[in-house]
Amino acid sequence: MLDRRAFLKNTTKTVVLSGLMGQSILKAESLDAFEKITILHTNDTHSRIDPFDSGDFAGLGGVIARKAIIDEIRKAEKHVLLLDAGDIFQGTPYFNLYNGELEIKAMSMLGYDAATMGNHDFDGGIDNFDKQLNHANFPFIVSNYNFENTPLDKKIQKYKIFQKGQIRIGVFGLGIELDGLVPKALFGETQYLDPIHIGNQYAHFLKHEKKCQIIIGLSHLGYSYPNKQRVSDLMLAESIDNVDVIIGGHTHTFLNSPKEIKNKFGKFVIVNQVGWGGINLGRLDVYLKKDSKKVDKNESMLIKCQ
C-alpha cells in the first residue's frame, strides 16, 4: 500500500511486475513490445466529499485528494480508464442535503469514464436517480437490471466500449439483487436478472462480436459470502468466460492486492475491491503484446487518498 507521496516517487521507475499468468518480471527494454492500459477504480464512496475527520481513517478520502492523484497519473500515463463500482450515494449529510447532485457533479469533474449502480444509489428513489443523471457526463452501466417501465428505461447502458490507442476495452455492469435490500417503492419495477448468465452473455458479445481485447466487469455483487448465499465476485470469476478483470463493490472489502481466480475454463480472472469511502484508489496496469493484442501481464497498486 502506498501513500500519495510514495506513489508519485515510484511512477518514475520502469520495473514492471507480472501477475496474471505468473510470468517473471518484464525487462525494461521489452516495454516497447507492449501496449499499456491503466485502470483506476473506486467503489462505495458513499457521499464522502470531504476526508474523514476522525477515527482510523482520519485525513483519508475526499474528492480533492483523489483528483490530485488521478491528475498526476493521467499526466504520466497515455491510456487511463477511471471506473466506479457503485454506492455513490448515502453516508454523509451531503446526500441528505443535495440528494446525490454533489456526488455526481464531483465524479464528472474527476473525469470518470463509467460507473455501475449500487443498492444505495436507489436510496432517494428511482425518480431521484433519474434526476441526478442530468449532472453526469459519464455513463452508468448495468447489464442485469431491466429498467423497462421505469424512469431509467434506455438511460442506463448495458455495456460500453472504450478505445484506448489500438486497444478496445469492453465494460459491462452487474448489480446486486435489490429485493430485500431496498424498499420496493424505491426501485419500482426494476427487474433483477441472473448476473452469471448475463455476465457471460455480455462478455461473449464484447469479446467475439465487438472484438474487444480487454473485458471488464463492473460489479456491485459483493466480494464473497458465507455458504455462497448470494452471487459474489468470486463466484462470478469462477463461472464466467472471456472476462479479464472484475472490479467489485458492496461488501467494503479492503484488498491489499487483487485476487487471481482460475475459472472453470482454465483462465485467470483478476478480482479487486478497494474498501469504501474513497479511502483508497485502485490501480491496475494491464499489458498487451502489440503483435497479439492479448492480455499478457498486469501489475497492481493500492493508493491511499490523502
C-alpha atoms as a PDB file:
ATOM      1  CA  MET A   1       0.000   0.000   0.000  1.00  0.00           C
ATOM      2  CA  LEU A   2       1.414   3.351  -0.984  1.00  0.00           C
ATOM      3  CA  ASP A   3       0.590   6.843   0.129  1.00  0.00           C
ATOM      4  CA  ARG A   4       0.402   9.591  -2.489  1.00  0.00           C
ATOM      5  CA  ARG A   5       3.961  10.861  -1.996  1.00  0.00           C
ATOM      6  CA  ALA A   6       5.480   7.382  -2.292  1.00  0.00           C
ATOM      7  CA  PHE A   7       3.332   6.618  -5.311  1.00  0.00           C
ATOM      8  CA  LEU A   8       4.376   9.726  -7.203  1.00  0.00           C
ATOM      9  CA  LYS A   9       8.009   8.911  -6.474  1.00  0.00           C
ATOM     10  CA  ASN A  10       7.580   5.362  -7.749  1.00  0.00           C
ATOM     11  CA  THR A  11       5.947   6.373 -11.036  1.00  0.00           C
ATOM     12  CA  THR A  12       9.412   7.182 -12.384  1.00  0.00           C
ATOM     13  CA  LYS A  13      10.533   3.554 -12.092  1.00  0.00           C
ATOM     14  CA  THR A  14      10.485   1.256 -15.128  1.00  0.00           C
ATOM     15  CA  VAL A  15      10.298  -2.145 -13.446  1.00  0.00           C
ATOM     16  CA  VAL A  16       7.036  -3.895 -14.298  1.00  0.00           C
ATOM     17  CA  LEU A  17       5.780  -6.733 -12.096  1.00  0.00           C
ATOM     18  CA  SER A  18       3.975  -9.649 -13.665  1.00  0.00           C
ATOM     19  CA  GLY A  19       0.825 -11.148 -12.254  1.00  0.00           C
ATOM     20  CA  LEU A  20      -1.901 -12.507 -14.493  1.00  0.00           C
ATOM     21  CA  MET A  21      -0.127 -15.609 -15.736  1.00  0.00           C
ATOM     22  CA  GLY A  22       2.546 -15.752 -13.059  1.00  0.00           C
ATOM     23  CA  GLN A  23       5.345 -14.933 -15.510  1.00  0.00           C
ATOM     24  CA  SER A  24       8.685 -13.493 -14.490  1.00  0.00           C
ATOM     25  CA  ILE A  25       9.455  -9.777 -14.257  1.00  0.00           C
ATOM     26  CA  LEU A  26       9.384  -7.928 -17.565  1.00  0.00           C
ATOM     27  CA  LYS A  27      12.670  -6.346 -18.541  1.00  0.00           C
ATOM     28  CA  ALA A  28      12.558  -2.593 -19.027  1.00  0.00           C
ATOM     29  CA  GLU A  29      13.925  -2.873 -22.548  1.00  0.00           C
ATOM     30  CA  SER A  30      10.960  -5.070 -23.580  1.00  0.00           C
ATOM     31  CA  LEU A  31       8.287  -2.472 -22.770  1.00  0.00           C
ATOM     32  CA  ASP A  32       8.128  -1.223 -26.348  1.00  0.00           C
ATOM     33  CA  ALA A  33       6.556  -4.539 -27.302  1.00  0.00           C
ATOM     34  CA  PHE A  34       3.543  -3.875 -25.048  1.00  0.00           C
ATOM     35  CA  GLU A  35       0.501  -1.617 -25.057  1.00  0.00           C
ATOM     36  CA  LYS A  36      -0.279  -0.455 -21.510  1.00  0.00           C
ATOM     37  CA  ILE A  37      -3.746   0.333 -20.171  1.00  0.00           C
ATOM     38  CA  THR A  38      -4.041   1.892 -16.689  1.00  0.00           C
ATOM     39  CA  ILE A  39      -7.333   1.136 -14.942  1.00  0.00           C
ATOM     40  CA  LEU A  40      -8.153   3.309 -11.919  1.00  0.00           C
ATOM     41  CA  HIS A  41     -11.145   2.421  -9.786  1.00  0.00           C
ATOM     42  CA  THR A  42     -13.204   3.198  -6.695  1.00  0.00           C
ATOM     43  CA  ASN A  43     -16.222   1.656  -5.005  1.00  0.00           C
ATOM     44  CA  ASP A  44     -18.677   2.514  -2.244  1.00  0.00           C
ATOM     45  CA  THR A  45     -17.578   6.139  -1.907  1.00  0.00           C
ATOM     46  CA  HIS A  46     -20.866   6.829  -0.046  1.00  0.00           C
ATOM     47  CA  SER A  47     -21.126  10.611  -0.420  1.00  0.00           C
ATOM     48  CA  ARG A  48     -17.656  11.115   1.074  1.00  0.00           C
ATOM     49  CA  ILE A  49     -16.878  14.510  -0.451  1.00  0.00           C
ATOM     50  CA  ASP A  50     -14.520  15.568   2.367  1.00  0.00           C
ATOM     51  CA  PRO A  51     -11.782  13.493   4.052  1.00  0.00           C
ATOM     52  CA  PHE A  52     -12.615  11.621   7.241  1.00  0.00           C
ATOM     53  CA  ASP A  53     -12.072  13.981  10.174  1.00  0.00           C
ATOM     54  CA  SER A  54     -11.629  11.383  12.935  1.00  0.00           C
ATOM     55  CA  GLY A  55     -11.169   7.721  13.683  1.00  0.00           C
ATOM     56  CA  ASP A  56      -8.955   5.162  11.961  1.00  0.00           C
ATOM     57  CA  PHE A  57      -9.352   6.873   8.579  1.00  0.00           C
ATOM     58  CA  ALA A  58      -8.749  10.477   9.710  1.00  0.00           C
ATOM     59  CA  GLY A  59      -7.291  12.538   6.879  1.00  0.00           C
ATOM     60  CA  LEU A  60      -8.068   9.923   4.230  1.00  0.00           C
ATOM     61  CA  GLY A  61     -10.594  10.125   1.412  1.00  0.00           C
ATOM     62  CA  GLY A  62     -12.188  13.170  -0.126  1.00  0.00           C
ATOM     63  CA  VAL A  63     -12.615  14.348  -3.673  1.00  0.00           C
ATOM     64  CA  ILE A  64      -9.720  16.839  -3.676  1.00  0.00           C
ATOM     65  CA  ALA A  65      -7.075  14.256  -2.726  1.00  0.00           C
ATOM     66  CA  ARG A  66      -8.448  11.769  -5.245  1.00  0.00           C
ATOM     67  CA  LYS A  67      -8.437  14.333  -8.031  1.00  0.00           C
ATOM     68  CA  ALA A  68      -4.801  15.278  -7.363  1.00  0.00           C
ATOM     69  CA  ILE A  69      -3.717  11.640  -7.631  1.00  0.00           C
ATOM     70  CA  ILE A  70      -5.795  10.981 -10.739  1.00  0.00           C
ATOM     71  CA  ASP A  71      -4.451  14.094 -12.440  1.00  0.00           C
ATOM     72  CA  GLU A  72      -0.864  13.022 -11.755  1.00  0.00           C
ATOM     73  CA  ILE A  73      -1.491   9.564 -13.178  1.00  0.00           C
ATOM     74  CA  ARG A  74      -3.114  10.982 -16.292  1.00  0.00           C
ATOM     75  CA  LYS A  75      -0.069  13.169 -16.850  1.00  0.00           C
ATOM     76  CA  ALA A  76       2.241  10.162 -16.536  1.00  0.00           C
ATOM     77  CA  GLU A  77       0.241   7.551 -18.456  1.00  0.00           C
ATOM     78  CA  LYS A  78      -1.070   7.570 -22.014  1.00  0.00           C
ATOM     79  CA  HIS A  79      -4.139   5.329 -21.697  1.00  0.00           C
ATOM     80  CA  VAL A  80      -6.157   5.720 -18.465  1.00  0.00           C
ATOM     81  CA  LEU A  81      -9.645   4.450 -17.635  1.00  0.00           C
ATOM     82  CA  LEU A  82     -11.428   5.622 -14.437  1.00  0.00           C
ATOM     83  CA  LEU A  83     -14.293   3.450 -13.175  1.00  0.00           C
ATOM     84  CA  ASP A  84     -16.579   3.169 -10.135  1.00  0.00           C
ATOM     85  CA  ALA A  85     -18.390   0.065  -8.844  1.00  0.00           C
ATOM     86  CA  GLY A  86     -21.425   1.700  -7.240  1.00  0.00           C
ATOM     87  CA  ASP A  87     -22.877   3.006  -3.963  1.00  0.00           C
ATOM     88  CA  ILE A  88     -22.015   6.588  -4.786  1.00  0.00           C
ATOM     89  CA  PHE A  89     -24.878   7.876  -2.609  1.00  0.00           C
ATOM     90  CA  GLN A  90     -25.642   7.796   1.136  1.00  0.00           C
ATOM     91  CA  GLY A  91     -23.347   8.157   4.110  1.00  0.00           C
ATOM     92  CA  THR A  92     -22.832  11.872   4.824  1.00  0.00           C
ATOM     93  CA  PRO A  93     -25.121  14.913   5.189  1.00  0.00           C
ATOM     94  CA  TYR A  94     -24.241  15.908   1.625  1.00  0.00           C
ATOM     95  CA  PHE A  95     -26.622  13.253   0.360  1.00  0.00           C
ATOM     96  CA  ASN A  96     -29.388  14.359   2.722  1.00  0.00           C
ATOM     97  CA  LEU A  97     -28.983  17.958   1.578  1.00  0.00           C
ATOM     98  CA  TYR A  98     -28.444  17.543  -2.164  1.00  0.00           C
ATOM     99  CA  ASN A  99     -29.852  14.079  -2.964  1.00  0.00           C
ATOM    100  CA  GLY A 100     -26.755  12.972  -4.865  1.00  0.00           C
ATOM    101  CA  GLU A 101     -26.290  16.013  -7.094  1.00  0.00           C
ATOM    102  CA  LEU A 102     -22.960  16.942  -5.487  1.00  0.00           C
ATOM    103  CA  GLU A 103     -21.611  13.385  -5.765  1.00  0.00           C
ATOM    104  CA  ILE A 104     -22.421  13.091  -9.469  1.00  0.00           C
ATOM    105  CA  LYS A 105     -21.017  16.554 -10.222  1.00  0.00           C
ATOM    106  CA  ALA A 106     -17.816  15.647  -8.378  1.00  0.00           C
ATOM    107  CA  MET A 107     -17.428  12.442 -10.396  1.00  0.00           C
ATOM    108  CA  SER A 108     -17.979  14.387 -13.603  1.00  0.00           C
ATOM    109  CA  MET A 109     -15.290  16.850 -12.526  1.00  0.00           C
ATOM    110  CA  LEU A 110     -12.889  13.988 -11.821  1.00  0.00           C
ATOM    111  CA  GLY A 111     -13.493  12.636 -15.317  1.00  0.00           C
ATOM    112  CA  TYR A 112     -14.937   9.213 -14.554  1.00  0.00           C
ATOM    113  CA  ASP A 113     -15.350   7.131 -17.692  1.00  0.00           C
ATOM    114  CA  ALA A 114     -18.158   4.928 -16.339  1.00  0.00           C
ATOM    115  CA  ALA A 115     -19.849   3.632 -13.185  1.00  0.00           C
ATOM    116  CA  THR A 116     -22.313   0.964 -12.213  1.00  0.00           C
ATOM    117  CA  MET A 117     -25.177   1.305  -9.719  1.00  0.00           C
ATOM    118  CA  GLY A 118     -25.228   0.062  -6.147  1.00  0.00           C
ATOM    119  CA  ASN A 119     -28.227  -0.601  -3.921  1.00  0.00           C
ATOM    120  CA  HIS A 120     -27.733   2.694  -2.041  1.00  0.00           C
ATOM    121  CA  ASP A 121     -27.943   4.608  -5.293  1.00  0.00           C
ATOM    122  CA  PHE A 122     -31.682   3.891  -5.097  1.00  0.00           C
ATOM    123  CA  ASP A 123     -31.986   5.425  -1.603  1.00  0.00           C
ATOM    124  CA  GLY A 124     -33.533   8.611  -2.945  1.00  0.00           C
ATOM    125  CA  GLY A 125     -35.830   6.613  -5.201  1.00  0.00           C
ATOM    126  CA  ILE A 126     -35.528   5.785  -8.870  1.00  0.00           C
ATOM    127  CA  ASP A 127     -37.023   9.157  -9.839  1.00  0.00           C
ATOM    128  CA  ASN A 128     -34.275  10.924  -7.900  1.00  0.00           C
ATOM    129  CA  PHE A 129     -31.550   8.907  -9.606  1.00  0.00           C
ATOM    130  CA  ASP A 130     -33.091   9.809 -12.950  1.00  0.00           C
ATOM    131  CA  LYS A 131     -32.941  13.476 -11.949  1.00  0.00           C
ATOM    132  CA  GLN A 132     -29.286  13.272 -10.871  1.00  0.00           C
ATOM    133  CA  LEU A 133     -28.308  11.648 -14.173  1.00  0.00           C
ATOM    134  CA  ASN A 134     -28.641  15.118 -15.701  1.00  0.00           C
ATOM    135  CA  HIS A 135     -25.417  16.064 -13.882  1.00  0.00           C
ATOM    136  CA  ALA A 136     -23.393  13.094 -15.187  1.00  0.00           C
ATOM    137  CA  ASN A 137     -21.097  13.436 -18.191  1.00  0.00           C
ATOM    138  CA  PHE A 138     -20.252   9.724 -17.997  1.00  0.00           C
ATOM    139  CA  PRO A 139     -22.457   6.638 -18.487  1.00  0.00           C
ATOM    140  CA  PHE A 140     -23.906   4.317 -15.887  1.00  0.00           C
ATOM    141  CA  ILE A 141     -23.678   0.690 -16.959  1.00  0.00           C
ATOM    142  CA  VAL A 142     -25.905  -2.078 -15.565  1.00  0.00           C
ATOM    143  CA  SER A 143     -26.388  -5.175 -17.686  1.00  0.00           C
ATOM    144  CA  ASN A 144     -28.590  -7.284 -15.395  1.00  0.00           C
ATOM    145  CA  TYR A 145     -31.294  -4.797 -14.427  1.00  0.00           C
ATOM    146  CA  ASN A 146     -34.303  -4.493 -16.699  1.00  0.00           C
ATOM    147  CA  PHE A 147     -35.444  -0.881 -16.404  1.00  0.00           C
ATOM    148  CA  GLU A 148     -38.490  -1.125 -18.670  1.00  0.00           C
ATOM    149  CA  ASN A 149     -41.498   0.658 -17.175  1.00  0.00           C
ATOM    150  CA  THR A 150     -39.221   2.825 -15.016  1.00  0.00           C
ATOM    151  CA  PRO A 151     -37.844   6.372 -15.487  1.00  0.00           C
ATOM    152  CA  LEU A 152     -34.411   4.858 -16.217  1.00  0.00           C
ATOM    153  CA  ASP A 153     -35.540   2.928 -19.290  1.00  0.00           C
ATOM    154  CA  LYS A 154     -32.982   3.458 -22.092  1.00  0.00           C
ATOM    155  CA  LYS A 155     -30.956   5.820 -19.862  1.00  0.00           C
ATOM    156  CA  ILE A 156     -28.704   3.174 -18.291  1.00  0.00           C
ATOM    157  CA  GLN A 157     -26.355   1.445 -20.716  1.00  0.00           C
ATOM    158  CA  LYS A 158     -25.929  -2.335 -20.928  1.00  0.00           C
ATOM    159  CA  TYR A 159     -22.282  -2.051 -21.960  1.00  0.00           C
ATOM    160  CA  LYS A 160     -19.722   0.465 -23.168  1.00  0.00           C
ATOM    161  CA  ILE A 161     -16.694   0.131 -25.426  1.00  0.00           C
ATOM    162  CA  PHE A 162     -13.680   2.384 -24.915  1.00  0.00           C
ATOM    163  CA  GLN A 163     -10.954   2.834 -27.491  1.00  0.00           C
ATOM    164  CA  LYS A 164      -7.543   3.476 -25.959  1.00  0.00           C
ATOM    165  CA  GLY A 165      -4.920   3.686 -28.681  1.00  0.00           C
ATOM    166  CA  GLN A 166      -5.191   0.437 -30.621  1.00  0.00           C
ATOM    167  CA  ILE A 167      -6.949  -1.358 -27.749  1.00  0.00           C
ATOM    168  CA  ARG A 168     -10.710  -1.884 -27.464  1.00  0.00           C
ATOM    169  CA  ILE A 169     -11.942  -2.258 -23.883  1.00  0.00           C
ATOM    170  CA  GLY A 170     -15.417  -3.632 -23.241  1.00  0.00           C
ATOM    171  CA  VAL A 171     -17.156  -2.840 -19.940  1.00  0.00           C
ATOM    172  CA  PHE A 172     -20.381  -4.354 -18.632  1.00  0.00           C
ATOM    173  CA  GLY A 173     -22.036  -3.878 -15.220  1.00  0.00           C
ATOM    174  CA  LEU A 174     -23.729  -6.168 -12.697  1.00  0.00           C
ATOM    175  CA  GLY A 175     -25.955  -5.039  -9.838  1.00  0.00           C
ATOM    176  CA  ILE A 176     -26.970  -6.899  -6.687  1.00  0.00           C
ATOM    177  CA  GLU A 177     -30.485  -8.214  -6.129  1.00  0.00           C
ATOM    178  CA  LEU A 178     -32.452  -5.247  -4.785  1.00  0.00           C
ATOM    179  CA  ASP A 179     -35.336  -7.165  -3.233  1.00  0.00           C
ATOM    180  CA  GLY A 180     -34.633  -7.428   0.490  1.00  0.00           C
ATOM    181  CA  LEU A 181     -32.009  -4.671   0.436  1.00  0.00           C
ATOM    182  CA  VAL A 182     -34.018  -1.764  -0.938  1.00  0.00           C
ATOM    183  CA  PRO A 183     -37.707  -0.982  -0.318  1.00  0.00           C
ATOM    184  CA  LYS A 184     -39.766  -1.883  -3.380  1.00  0.00           C
ATOM    185  CA  ALA A 185     -41.115   1.659  -3.616  1.00  0.00           C
ATOM    186  CA  LEU A 186     -37.599   2.987  -4.257  1.00  0.00           C
ATOM    187  CA  PHE A 187     -36.657   0.753  -7.191  1.00  0.00           C
ATOM    188  CA  GLY A 188     -40.141   0.375  -8.677  1.00  0.00           C
ATOM    189  CA  GLU A 189     -40.471  -2.169 -11.476  1.00  0.00           C
ATOM    190  CA  THR A 190     -36.727  -2.694 -11.906  1.00  0.00           C
ATOM    191  CA  GLN A 191     -36.169  -6.398 -12.621  1.00  0.00           C
ATOM    192  CA  TYR A 192     -33.084  -8.259 -11.443  1.00  0.00           C
ATOM    193  CA  LEU A 193     -31.620 -10.821 -13.864  1.00  0.00           C
ATOM    194  CA  ASP A 194     -29.144 -13.596 -13.047  1.00  0.00           C
ATOM    195  CA  PRO A 195     -25.708 -11.923 -13.055  1.00  0.00           C
ATOM    196  CA  ILE A 196     -23.709 -15.013 -14.042  1.00  0.00           C
ATOM    197  CA  HIS A 197     -25.890 -15.688 -17.087  1.00  0.00           C
ATOM    198  CA  ILE A 198     -25.994 -12.028 -18.110  1.00  0.00           C
ATOM    199  CA  GLY A 199     -22.281 -11.539 -17.428  1.00  0.00           C
ATOM    200  CA  ASN A 200     -21.371 -14.472 -19.658  1.00  0.00           C
ATOM    201  CA  GLN A 201     -23.715 -13.198 -22.340  1.00  0.00           C
ATOM    202  CA  TYR A 202     -22.224  -9.711 -22.497  1.00  0.00           C
ATOM    203  CA  ALA A 203     -18.634 -10.882 -22.084  1.00  0.00           C
ATOM    204  CA  HIS A 204     -19.023 -13.230 -25.059  1.00  0.00           C
ATOM    205  CA  PHE A 205     -20.674 -10.457 -27.085  1.00  0.00           C
ATOM    206  CA  LEU A 206     -17.932  -7.934 -26.300  1.00  0.00           C
ATOM    207  CA  LYS A 207     -15.120 -10.400 -26.929  1.00  0.00           C
ATOM    208  CA  HIS A 208     -16.311 -12.175 -30.043  1.00  0.00           C
ATOM    209  CA  GLU A 209     -18.702  -9.785 -31.762  1.00  0.00           C
ATOM    210  CA  LYS A 210     -17.255  -6.436 -30.757  1.00  0.00           C
ATOM    211  CA  LYS A 211     -13.626  -7.710 -30.832  1.00  0.00           C
ATOM    212  CA  CYS A 212     -12.592  -6.146 -27.513  1.00  0.00           C
ATOM    213  CA  GLN A 213      -9.138  -7.143 -26.257  1.00  0.00           C
ATOM    214  CA  ILE A 214      -9.869  -6.376 -22.577  1.00  0.00           C
ATOM    215  CA  ILE A 215     -13.196  -7.190 -20.902  1.00  0.00           C
ATOM    216  CA  ILE A 216     -14.031  -5.589 -17.533  1.00  0.00           C
ATOM    217  CA  GLY A 217     -16.987  -6.441 -15.315  1.00  0.00           C
ATOM    218  CA  LEU A 218     -18.060  -3.594 -13.021  1.00  0.00           C
ATOM    219  CA  SER A 219     -19.756  -5.407 -10.154  1.00  0.00           C
ATOM    220  CA  HIS A 220     -21.813  -4.391  -7.154  1.00  0.00           C
ATOM    221  CA  LEU A 221     -22.461  -8.004  -6.176  1.00  0.00           C
ATOM    222  CA  GLY A 222     -20.059  -8.157  -3.218  1.00  0.00           C
ATOM    223  CA  TYR A 223     -16.700  -9.899  -2.877  1.00  0.00           C
ATOM    224  CA  SER A 224     -17.792 -13.130  -1.140  1.00  0.00           C
ATOM    225  CA  TYR A 225     -20.456 -14.537   1.213  1.00  0.00           C
ATOM    226  CA  PRO A 226     -20.537 -17.414   3.731  1.00  0.00           C
ATOM    227  CA  ASN A 227     -22.092 -20.543   2.275  1.00  0.00           C
ATOM    228  CA  LYS A 228     -22.387 -18.792  -1.095  1.00  0.00           C
ATOM    229  CA  GLN A 229     -25.779 -17.404  -0.100  1.00  0.00           C
ATOM    230  CA  ARG A 230     -25.572 -14.718  -2.776  1.00  0.00           C
ATOM    231  CA  VAL A 231     -23.798 -14.455  -6.100  1.00  0.00           C
ATOM    232  CA  SER A 232     -20.448 -12.813  -5.370  1.00  0.00           C
ATOM    233  CA  ASP A 233     -17.452 -11.619  -7.366  1.00  0.00           C
ATOM    234  CA  LEU A 234     -15.558 -14.801  -6.508  1.00  0.00           C
ATOM    235  CA  MET A 235     -18.451 -16.967  -7.720  1.00  0.00           C
ATOM    236  CA  LEU A 236     -18.723 -14.849 -10.837  1.00  0.00           C
ATOM    237  CA  ALA A 237     -14.994 -15.144 -11.549  1.00  0.00           C
ATOM    238  CA  GLU A 238     -15.134 -18.935 -11.262  1.00  0.00           C
ATOM    239  CA  SER A 239     -18.114 -19.190 -13.608  1.00  0.00           C
ATOM    240  CA  ILE A 240     -17.510 -16.560 -16.270  1.00  0.00           C
ATOM    241  CA  ASP A 241     -15.556 -16.743 -19.517  1.00  0.00           C
ATOM    242  CA  ASN A 242     -13.937 -14.015 -21.648  1.00  0.00           C
ATOM    243  CA  VAL A 243     -13.505 -11.636 -18.690  1.00  0.00           C
ATOM    244  CA  ASP A 244     -10.103 -10.281 -17.667  1.00  0.00           C
ATOM    245  CA  VAL A 245     -10.980  -8.053 -14.704  1.00  0.00           C
ATOM    246  CA  ILE A 246     -13.831  -7.818 -12.182  1.00  0.00           C
ATOM    247  CA  ILE A 247     -13.900  -4.531 -10.266  1.00  0.00           C
ATOM    248  CA  GLY A 248     -16.168  -5.003  -7.280  1.00  0.00           C
ATOM    249  CA  GLY A 249     -18.089  -3.199  -4.588  1.00  0.00           C
ATOM    250  CA  HIS A 250     -20.838  -3.564  -1.951  1.00  0.00           C
ATOM    251  CA  THR A 251     -19.013  -5.510   0.778  1.00  0.00           C
ATOM    252  CA  HIS A 252     -16.469  -2.733   1.520  1.00  0.00           C
ATOM    253  CA  THR A 253     -13.678  -5.289   1.219  1.00  0.00           C
ATOM    254  CA  PHE A 254     -10.141  -3.946   1.639  1.00  0.00           C
ATOM    255  CA  LEU A 255      -7.845  -5.973  -0.626  1.00  0.00           C
ATOM    256  CA  ASN A 256      -4.170  -5.045  -0.489  1.00  0.00           C
ATOM    257  CA  SER A 257      -3.761  -6.635  -3.894  1.00  0.00           C
ATOM    258  CA  PRO A 258      -6.149  -8.171  -6.432  1.00  0.00           C
ATOM    259  CA  LYS A 259      -7.065 -11.841  -6.293  1.00  0.00           C
ATOM    260  CA  GLU A 260      -6.400 -14.018  -9.311  1.00  0.00           C
ATOM    261  CA  ILE A 261      -9.131 -16.618  -9.705  1.00  0.00           C
ATOM    262  CA  LYS A 262      -8.816 -19.528 -12.102  1.00  0.00           C
ATOM    263  CA  ASN A 263     -12.218 -20.046 -13.707  1.00  0.00           C
ATOM    264  CA  LYS A 264     -13.730 -23.341 -14.818  1.00  0.00           C
ATOM    265  CA  PHE A 265     -12.424 -22.669 -18.319  1.00  0.00           C
ATOM    266  CA  GLY A 266      -8.843 -22.673 -17.039  1.00  0.00           C
ATOM    267  CA  LYS A 267      -8.294 -18.935 -17.433  1.00  0.00           C
ATOM    268  CA  PHE A 268      -7.309 -16.382 -14.782  1.00  0.00           C
ATOM    269  CA  VAL A 269      -9.651 -13.538 -13.789  1.00  0.00           C
ATOM    270  CA  ILE A 270      -8.437 -10.578 -11.721  1.00  0.00           C
ATOM    271  CA  VAL A 271     -10.833  -9.552  -8.916  1.00  0.00           C
ATOM    272  CA  ASN A 272     -10.316  -6.346  -6.957  1.00  0.00           C
ATOM    273  CA  GLN A 273     -12.107  -4.116  -4.436  1.00  0.00           C
ATOM    274  CA  VAL A 274     -10.628  -1.166  -2.508  1.00  0.00           C
ATOM    275  CA  GLY A 275     -12.678  -0.747   0.662  1.00  0.00           C
ATOM    276  CA  TRP A 276     -15.053   2.196   0.866  1.00  0.00           C
ATOM    277  CA  GLY A 277     -15.349   5.949   1.453  1.00  0.00           C
ATOM    278  CA  GLY A 278     -12.781   6.923  -1.169  1.00  0.00           C
ATOM    279  CA  ILE A 279     -10.010   5.933   1.248  1.00  0.00           C
ATOM    280  CA  ASN A 280      -8.137   4.109  -1.499  1.00  0.00           C
ATOM    281  CA  LEU A 281      -7.787   4.381  -5.240  1.00  0.00           C
ATOM    282  CA  GLY A 282      -7.197   1.100  -7.024  1.00  0.00           C
ATOM    283  CA  ARG A 283      -4.739   0.964  -9.902  1.00  0.00           C
ATOM    284  CA  LEU A 284      -4.284  -1.924 -12.300  1.00  0.00           C
ATOM    285  CA  ASP A 285      -1.840  -1.685 -15.206  1.00  0.00           C
ATOM    286  CA  VAL A 286      -2.648  -4.202 -17.919  1.00  0.00           C
ATOM    287  CA  TYR A 287      -0.098  -5.036 -20.618  1.00  0.00           C
ATOM    288  CA  LEU A 288      -0.965  -6.427 -24.036  1.00  0.00           C
ATOM    289  CA  LYS A 289       1.534  -7.678 -26.571  1.00  0.00           C
ATOM    290  CA  LYS A 290       1.256  -5.315 -29.544  1.00  0.00           C
ATOM    291  CA  ASP A 291       1.520  -8.126 -32.048  1.00  0.00           C
ATOM    292  CA  SER A 292      -1.218 -10.277 -30.492  1.00  0.00           C
ATOM    293  CA  LYS A 293      -3.390  -7.721 -28.616  1.00  0.00           C
ATOM    294  CA  LYS A 294      -3.952 -10.307 -25.881  1.00  0.00           C
ATOM    295  CA  VAL A 295      -3.571  -9.608 -22.158  1.00  0.00           C
ATOM    296  CA  ASP A 296      -0.105 -10.811 -21.203  1.00  0.00           C
ATOM    297  CA  LYS A 297       0.745  -9.350 -17.795  1.00  0.00           C
ATOM    298  CA  ASN A 298      -0.520  -6.956 -15.142  1.00  0.00           C
ATOM    299  CA  GLU A 299       0.671  -5.058 -12.091  1.00  0.00           C
ATOM    300  CA  SER A 300      -1.429  -3.516  -9.337  1.00  0.00           C
ATOM    301  CA  MET A 301      -1.143  -0.741  -6.796  1.00  0.00           C
ATOM    302  CA  LEU A 302      -3.315   0.423  -3.900  1.00  0.00           C
ATOM    303  CA  ILE A 303      -3.016   4.158  -3.308  1.00  0.00           C
ATOM    304  CA  LYS A 304      -4.159   5.915  -0.135  1.00  0.00           C
ATOM    305  CA  CYS A 305      -6.077   9.094  -0.937  1.00  0.00           C
ATOM    306  CA  GLN A 306      -4.654  11.701   1.422  1.00  0.00           C
END
